[in-house]
PDB file of N, CA and C in Angstrom:
ATOM      1  N   UNK A   1     322.918  71.174  18.386  1.00  0.00           N
ATOM      2  CA  UNK A   1     321.488  71.417  18.417  1.00  0.00           C
ATOM      3  C   UNK A   1     320.776  70.668  17.287  1.00  0.00           C
ATOM      4  N   UNK A   2     321.346  70.709  16.101  1.00  0.00           N
ATOM      5  CA  UNK A   2     320.757  70.034  14.948  1.00  0.00           C
ATOM      6  C   UNK A   2     320.770  68.511  15.150  1.00  0.00           C
ATOM      7  N   UNK A   3     321.806  68.022  15.817  1.00  0.00           N
ATOM      8  CA  UNK A   3     321.909  66.589  16.075  1.00  0.00           C
ATOM      9  C   UNK A   3     320.793  66.109  16.999  1.00  0.00           C
ATOM     10  N   UNK A   4     320.428  66.896  17.993  1.00  0.00           N
ATOM     11  CA  UNK A   4     319.339  66.539  18.923  1.00  0.00           C
ATOM     12  C   UNK A   4     318.006  66.505  18.185  1.00  0.00           C
ATOM     13  N   UNK A   5     317.773  67.439  17.314  1.00  0.00           N
ATOM     14  CA  UNK A   5     316.517  67.494  16.542  1.00  0.00           C
ATOM     15  C   UNK A   5     316.416  66.261  15.645  1.00  0.00           C
ATOM     16  N   UNK A   6     317.525  65.856  15.031  1.00  0.00           N
ATOM     17  CA  UNK A   6     317.510  64.675  14.174  1.00  0.00           C
ATOM     18  C   UNK A   6     317.231  63.406  14.981  1.00  0.00           C
ATOM     19  N   UNK A   7     317.812  63.278  16.185  1.00  0.00           N
ATOM     20  CA  UNK A   7     317.548  62.124  17.044  1.00  0.00           C
ATOM     21  C   UNK A   7     316.077  62.085  17.474  1.00  0.00           C
ATOM     22  N   UNK A   8     315.504  63.236  17.778  1.00  0.00           N
ATOM     23  CA  UNK A   8     314.079  63.290  18.148  1.00  0.00           C
ATOM     24  C   UNK A   8     313.222  62.897  16.953  1.00  0.00           C
ATOM     25  N   UNK A   9     313.564  63.415  15.783  1.00  0.00           N
ATOM     26  CA  UNK A   9     312.821  63.082  14.569  1.00  0.00           C
ATOM     27  C   UNK A   9     312.912  61.584  14.278  1.00  0.00           C
ATOM     28  N   UNK A  10     314.106  60.993  14.421  1.00  0.00           N
ATOM     29  CA  UNK A  10     314.294  59.566  14.217  1.00  0.00           C
ATOM     30  C   UNK A  10     313.498  58.749  15.237  1.00  0.00           C
ATOM     31  N   UNK A  11     313.447  59.193  16.479  1.00  0.00           N
ATOM     32  CA  UNK A  11     312.658  58.522  17.513  1.00  0.00           C
ATOM     33  C   UNK A  11     311.174  58.559  17.211  1.00  0.00           C
ATOM     34  N   UNK A  12     310.710  59.684  16.703  1.00  0.00           N
ATOM     35  CA  UNK A  12     309.285  59.798  16.338  1.00  0.00           C
ATOM     36  C   UNK A  12     308.961  58.835  15.196  1.00  0.00           C
ATOM     37  N   UNK A  13     309.797  58.768  14.193  1.00  0.00           N
ATOM     38  CA  UNK A  13     309.553  57.879  13.048  1.00  0.00           C
ATOM     39  C   UNK A  13     309.547  56.417  13.508  1.00  0.00           C
ATOM     40  N   UNK A  14     310.534  56.017  14.297  1.00  0.00           N
ATOM     41  CA  UNK A  14     310.591  54.634  14.784  1.00  0.00           C
ATOM     42  C   UNK A  14     309.378  54.337  15.672  1.00  0.00           C
ATOM     43  N   UNK A  15     308.969  55.293  16.485  1.00  0.00           N
ATOM     44  CA  UNK A  15     307.791  55.114  17.337  1.00  0.00           C
ATOM     45  C   UNK A  15     306.516  54.948  16.526  1.00  0.00           C
ATOM     46  N   UNK A  16     306.385  55.726  15.455  1.00  0.00           N
ATOM     47  CA  UNK A  16     305.196  55.602  14.598  1.00  0.00           C
ATOM     48  C   UNK A  16     305.150  54.236  13.925  1.00  0.00           C
ATOM     49  N   UNK A  17     306.277  53.804  13.407  1.00  0.00           N
ATOM     50  CA  UNK A  17     306.308  52.502  12.730  1.00  0.00           C
ATOM     51  C   UNK A  17     305.993  51.379  13.715  1.00  0.00           C
ATOM     52  N   UNK A  18     306.590  51.433  14.899  1.00  0.00           N
ATOM     53  CA  UNK A  18     306.325  50.413  15.919  1.00  0.00           C
ATOM     54  C   UNK A  18     304.860  50.431  16.348  1.00  0.00           C
ATOM     55  N   UNK A  19     304.280  51.603  16.500  1.00  0.00           N
ATOM     56  CA  UNK A  19     302.872  51.720  16.887  1.00  0.00           C
ATOM     57  C   UNK A  19     301.938  51.162  15.842  1.00  0.00           C
ATOM     58  N   UNK A  20     302.223  51.456  14.581  1.00  0.00           N
ATOM     59  CA  UNK A  20     301.372  50.951  13.502  1.00  0.00           C
ATOM     60  C   UNK A  20     301.433  49.427  13.437  1.00  0.00           C
ATOM     61  N   UNK A  21     302.615  48.859  13.566  1.00  0.00           N
ATOM     62  CA  UNK A  21     302.759  47.394  13.531  1.00  0.00           C
ATOM     63  C   UNK A  21     302.030  46.759  14.710  1.00  0.00           C
ATOM     64  N   UNK A  22     302.163  47.352  15.893  1.00  0.00           N
ATOM     65  CA  UNK A  22     301.502  46.811  17.085  1.00  0.00           C
ATOM     66  C   UNK A  22     299.981  46.864  16.938  1.00  0.00           C
ATOM     67  N   UNK A  23     299.459  47.968  16.475  1.00  0.00           N
ATOM     68  CA  UNK A  23     298.005  48.107  16.305  1.00  0.00           C
ATOM     69  C   UNK A  23     297.495  47.119  15.261  1.00  0.00           C
ATOM     70  N   UNK A  24     298.246  46.942  14.168  1.00  0.00           N
ATOM     71  CA  UNK A  24     297.785  46.006  13.134  1.00  0.00           C
ATOM     72  C   UNK A  24     297.782  44.566  13.644  1.00  0.00           C
ATOM     73  N   UNK A  25     298.760  44.199  14.483  1.00  0.00           N
ATOM     74  CA  UNK A  25     298.776  42.843  15.041  1.00  0.00           C
ATOM     75  C   UNK A  25     297.620  42.613  16.013  1.00  0.00           C
ATOM     76  N   UNK A  26     297.295  43.615  16.796  1.00  0.00           N
ATOM     77  CA  UNK A  26     296.200  43.488  17.770  1.00  0.00           C
ATOM     78  C   UNK A  26     294.858  43.407  17.057  1.00  0.00           C
ATOM     79  N   UNK A  27     294.652  44.251  16.050  1.00  0.00           N
ATOM     80  CA  UNK A  27     293.350  44.274  15.372  1.00  0.00           C
ATOM     81  C   UNK A  27     293.154  43.080  14.455  1.00  0.00           C
ATOM     82  N   UNK A  28     294.240  42.452  13.984  1.00  0.00           N
ATOM     83  CA  UNK A  28     294.069  41.300  13.094  1.00  0.00           C
ATOM     84  C   UNK A  28     293.407  40.141  13.835  1.00  0.00           C
ATOM     85  N   UNK A  29     293.721  39.950  15.111  1.00  0.00           N
ATOM     86  CA  UNK A  29     293.056  38.912  15.897  1.00  0.00           C
ATOM     87  C   UNK A  29     291.588  39.207  16.105  1.00  0.00           C
ATOM     88  N   UNK A  30     291.269  40.467  16.330  1.00  0.00           N
ATOM     89  CA  UNK A  30     289.860  40.844  16.513  1.00  0.00           C
ATOM     90  C   UNK A  30     289.077  40.654  15.224  1.00  0.00           C
ATOM     91  N   UNK A  31     289.692  41.001  14.104  1.00  0.00           N
ATOM     92  CA  UNK A  31     289.000  40.864  12.825  1.00  0.00           C
ATOM     93  C   UNK A  31     288.714  39.394  12.542  1.00  0.00           C
ATOM     94  N   UNK A  32     289.662  38.520  12.853  1.00  0.00           N
ATOM     95  CA  UNK A  32     289.441  37.085  12.644  1.00  0.00           C
ATOM     96  C   UNK A  32     288.292  36.580  13.523  1.00  0.00           C
ATOM     97  N   UNK A  33     288.231  37.048  14.767  1.00  0.00           N
ATOM     98  CA  UNK A  33     287.137  36.651  15.657  1.00  0.00           C
ATOM     99  C   UNK A  33     285.792  37.134  15.117  1.00  0.00           C
ATOM    100  N   UNK A  34     285.752  38.360  14.629  1.00  0.00           N
ATOM    101  CA  UNK A  34     284.500  38.900  14.092  1.00  0.00           C
ATOM    102  C   UNK A  34     284.073  38.164  12.827  1.00  0.00           C
ATOM    103  N   UNK A  35     285.029  37.800  11.982  1.00  0.00           N
ATOM    104  CA  UNK A  35     284.684  37.043  10.781  1.00  0.00           C
ATOM    105  C   UNK A  35     284.132  35.670  11.142  1.00  0.00           C
ATOM    106  N   UNK A  36     284.710  35.031  12.155  1.00  0.00           N
ATOM    107  CA  UNK A  36     284.185  33.737  12.608  1.00  0.00           C
ATOM    108  C   UNK A  36     282.771  33.882  13.158  1.00  0.00           C
ATOM    109  N   UNK A  37     282.519  34.955  13.894  1.00  0.00           N
ATOM    110  CA  UNK A  37     281.176  35.178  14.437  1.00  0.00           C
ATOM    111  C   UNK A  37     280.170  35.427  13.328  1.00  0.00           C
ATOM    112  N   UNK A  38     280.580  36.164  12.303  1.00  0.00           N
ATOM    113  CA  UNK A  38     279.699  36.411  11.164  1.00  0.00           C
ATOM    114  C   UNK A  38     279.344  35.102  10.473  1.00  0.00           C
ATOM    115  N   UNK A  39     280.343  34.240  10.295  1.00  0.00           N
ATOM    116  CA  UNK A  39     280.093  32.943   9.654  1.00  0.00           C
ATOM    117  C   UNK A  39     279.149  32.088  10.498  1.00  0.00           C
ATOM    118  N   UNK A  40     279.333  32.100  11.810  1.00  0.00           N
ATOM    119  CA  UNK A  40     278.435  31.345  12.693  1.00  0.00           C
ATOM    120  C   UNK A  40     277.012  31.872  12.607  1.00  0.00           C
ATOM    121  N   UNK A  41     276.854  33.181  12.574  1.00  0.00           N
ATOM    122  CA  UNK A  41     275.513  33.772  12.490  1.00  0.00           C
ATOM    123  C   UNK A  41     274.860  33.466  11.147  1.00  0.00           C
ATOM    124  N   UNK A  42     275.637  33.448  10.078  1.00  0.00           N
ATOM    125  CA  UNK A  42     275.067  33.093   8.772  1.00  0.00           C
ATOM    126  C   UNK A  42     274.591  31.649   8.758  1.00  0.00           C
ATOM    127  N   UNK A  43     275.372  30.764   9.373  1.00  0.00           N
ATOM    128  CA  UNK A  43     274.964  29.357   9.457  1.00  0.00           C
ATOM    129  C   UNK A  43     273.690  29.209  10.287  1.00  0.00           C
ATOM    130  N   UNK A  44     273.626  29.940  11.399  1.00  0.00           N
ATOM    131  CA  UNK A  44     272.441  29.885  12.259  1.00  0.00           C
ATOM    132  C   UNK A  44     271.218  30.415  11.520  1.00  0.00           C
ATOM    133  N   UNK A  45     271.386  31.498  10.754  1.00  0.00           N
ATOM    134  CA  UNK A  45     270.271  32.058   9.995  1.00  0.00           C
ATOM    135  C   UNK A  45     269.777  31.066   8.952  1.00  0.00           C
ATOM    136  N   UNK A  46     270.716  30.376   8.284  1.00  0.00           N
ATOM    137  CA  UNK A  46     270.332  29.388   7.280  1.00  0.00           C
ATOM    138  C   UNK A  46     269.542  28.244   7.909  1.00  0.00           C
ATOM    139  N   UNK A  47     270.000  27.765   9.066  1.00  0.00           N
ATOM    140  CA  UNK A  47     269.290  26.682   9.750  1.00  0.00           C
ATOM    141  C   UNK A  47     267.898  27.116  10.201  1.00  0.00           C
ATOM    142  N   UNK A  48     267.789  28.355  10.696  1.00  0.00           N
ATOM    143  CA  UNK A  48     266.470  28.837  11.130  1.00  0.00           C
ATOM    144  C   UNK A  48     265.524  29.010   9.948  1.00  0.00           C
ATOM    145  N   UNK A  49     266.040  29.456   8.797  1.00  0.00           N
ATOM    146  CA  UNK A  49     265.198  29.573   7.610  1.00  0.00           C
ATOM    147  C   UNK A  49     264.678  28.206   7.184  1.00  0.00           C
ATOM    148  N   UNK A  50     265.557  27.199   7.222  1.00  0.00           N
ATOM    149  CA  UNK A  50     265.125  25.850   6.874  1.00  0.00           C
ATOM    150  C   UNK A  50     264.062  25.342   7.844  1.00  0.00           C
ATOM    151  N   UNK A  51     264.220  25.657   9.114  1.00  0.00           N
ATOM    152  CA  UNK A  51     263.233  25.228  10.120  1.00  0.00           C
ATOM    153  C   UNK A  51     261.882  25.900   9.881  1.00  0.00           C
ATOM    154  N   UNK A  52     261.908  27.196   9.587  1.00  0.00           N
ATOM    155  CA  UNK A  52     260.651  27.915   9.305  1.00  0.00           C
ATOM    156  C   UNK A  52     259.996  27.339   8.060  1.00  0.00           C
ATOM    157  N   UNK A  53     260.785  27.093   7.024  1.00  0.00           N
ATOM    158  CA  UNK A  53     260.234  26.534   5.795  1.00  0.00           C
ATOM    159  C   UNK A  53     259.624  25.162   6.044  1.00  0.00           C
ATOM    160  N   UNK A  54     260.294  24.350   6.866  1.00  0.00           N
ATOM    161  CA  UNK A  54     259.782  23.012   7.178  1.00  0.00           C
ATOM    162  C   UNK A  54     258.477  23.097   7.958  1.00  0.00           C
ATOM    163  N   UNK A  55     258.393  24.043   8.900  1.00  0.00           N
ATOM    164  CA  UNK A  55     257.177  24.162   9.708  1.00  0.00           C
ATOM    165  C   UNK A  55     256.020  24.731   8.897  1.00  0.00           C
ATOM    166  N   UNK A  56     256.306  25.611   7.947  1.00  0.00           N
ATOM    167  CA  UNK A  56     255.235  26.210   7.143  1.00  0.00           C
ATOM    168  C   UNK A  56     254.660  25.229   6.138  1.00  0.00           C
ATOM    169  N   UNK A  57     255.427  24.283   5.682  1.00  0.00           N
ATOM    170  CA  UNK A  57     254.975  23.374   4.636  1.00  0.00           C
ATOM    171  C   UNK A  57     254.462  22.047   5.172  1.00  0.00           C
ATOM    172  N   UNK A  58     254.156  21.954   6.432  1.00  0.00           N
ATOM    173  CA  UNK A  58     253.600  20.725   6.976  1.00  0.00           C
ATOM    174  C   UNK A  58     252.159  20.562   6.514  1.00  0.00           C
ATOM    175  N   UNK A  59     251.771  19.323   6.264  1.00  0.00           N
ATOM    176  CA  UNK A  59     250.408  19.043   5.840  1.00  0.00           C
ATOM    177  C   UNK A  59     249.457  19.247   7.020  1.00  0.00           C
ATOM    178  N   UNK A  60     248.273  19.694   6.698  1.00  0.00           N
ATOM    179  CA  UNK A  60     247.281  19.887   7.758  1.00  0.00           C
ATOM    180  C   UNK A  60     246.785  18.519   8.227  1.00  0.00           C
ATOM    181  N   UNK A  61     246.490  18.395   9.503  1.00  0.00           N
ATOM    182  CA  UNK A  61     245.998  17.096   9.992  1.00  0.00           C
ATOM    183  C   UNK A  61     244.602  16.811   9.454  1.00  0.00           C
ATOM    184  N   UNK A  62     244.312  15.520   9.287  1.00  0.00           N
ATOM    185  CA  UNK A  62     242.991  15.135   8.787  1.00  0.00           C
ATOM    186  C   UNK A  62     241.952  15.370   9.875  1.00  0.00           C
ATOM    187  N   UNK A  63     240.785  15.853   9.476  1.00  0.00           N
ATOM    188  CA  UNK A  63     239.749  16.064  10.493  1.00  0.00           C
ATOM    189  C   UNK A  63     239.253  14.734  11.044  1.00  0.00           C
ATOM    190  N   UNK A  64     238.844  14.763  12.291  1.00  0.00           N
ATOM    191  CA  UNK A  64     238.336  13.549  12.931  1.00  0.00           C
ATOM    192  C   UNK A  64     236.950  13.217  12.398  1.00  0.00           C
ATOM    193  N   UNK A  65     236.653  11.934  12.433  1.00  0.00           N
ATOM    194  CA  UNK A  65     235.323  11.505  12.004  1.00  0.00           C
ATOM    195  C   UNK A  65     234.325  11.889  13.083  1.00  0.00           C
ATOM    196  N   UNK A  66     233.144  12.227  12.640  1.00  0.00           N
ATOM    197  CA  UNK A  66     232.105  12.575  13.587  1.00  0.00           C
ATOM    198  C   UNK A  66     231.633  11.309  14.292  1.00  0.00           C
ATOM    199  N   UNK A  67     231.566  11.396  15.598  1.00  0.00           N
ATOM    200  CA  UNK A  67     231.149  10.230  16.387  1.00  0.00           C
ATOM    201  C   UNK A  67     229.626  10.213  16.511  1.00  0.00           C
ATOM    202  N   UNK A  68     229.050   9.064  16.295  1.00  0.00           N
ATOM    203  CA  UNK A  68     227.603   8.914  16.423  1.00  0.00           C
ATOM    204  C   UNK A  68     227.311   8.316  17.790  1.00  0.00           C
ATOM    205  N   UNK A  69     226.797   9.142  18.653  1.00  0.00           N
ATOM    206  CA  UNK A  69     226.447   8.673  19.986  1.00  0.00           C
ATOM    207  C   UNK A  69     224.989   8.204  19.974  1.00  0.00           C
ATOM    208  N   UNK A  70     224.768   7.088  20.586  1.00  0.00           N
ATOM    209  CA  UNK A  70     223.408   6.592  20.723  1.00  0.00           C
ATOM    210  C   UNK A  70     222.980   6.943  22.133  1.00  0.00           C
ATOM    211  N   UNK A  71     221.936   7.693  22.201  1.00  0.00           N
ATOM    212  CA  UNK A  71     221.469   8.066  23.535  1.00  0.00           C
ATOM    213  C   UNK A  71     220.741   6.871  24.169  1.00  0.00           C
ATOM    214  N   UNK A  72     220.981   6.647  25.418  1.00  0.00           N
ATOM    215  CA  UNK A  72     220.427   5.501  26.119  1.00  0.00           C
ATOM    216  C   UNK A  72     218.946   5.720  26.478  1.00  0.00           C
ATOM    217  N   UNK A  73     218.590   6.908  26.830  1.00  0.00           N
ATOM    218  CA  UNK A  73     217.230   7.198  27.263  1.00  0.00           C
ATOM    219  C   UNK A  73     216.499   8.012  26.181  1.00  0.00           C
ATOM    220  N   UNK A  74     216.230   7.363  25.107  1.00  0.00           N
ATOM    221  CA  UNK A  74     215.586   8.068  24.023  1.00  0.00           C
ATOM    222  C   UNK A  74     214.068   7.885  24.149  1.00  0.00           C
ATOM    223  N   UNK A  75     213.346   8.962  24.239  1.00  0.00           N
ATOM    224  CA  UNK A  75     211.894   8.883  24.367  1.00  0.00           C
ATOM    225  C   UNK A  75     211.265   8.956  22.993  1.00  0.00           C
ATOM    226  N   UNK A  76     210.251   8.062  22.788  1.00  0.00           N
ATOM    227  CA  UNK A  76     209.555   8.038  21.502  1.00  0.00           C
ATOM    228  C   UNK A  76     208.122   8.306  21.665  1.00  0.00           C
TER     229      UNK A  76
END
């Protein structure tokens, strides 16, 4: 009876260790993907900030000169 309990206990321990290793291997790939996505988003944010800064600091266009129209039928 004691031998069966020890085998069950040993099976539980081996199962826990195997489960922990499997979960850590699966999540390590996900963590790497998430870190890559974070880096991509940071790069995109930096580029968008530069674009906003560039658009905000553009010089205003020069106003057009007033056109002097000569009316053809001017009554005096």
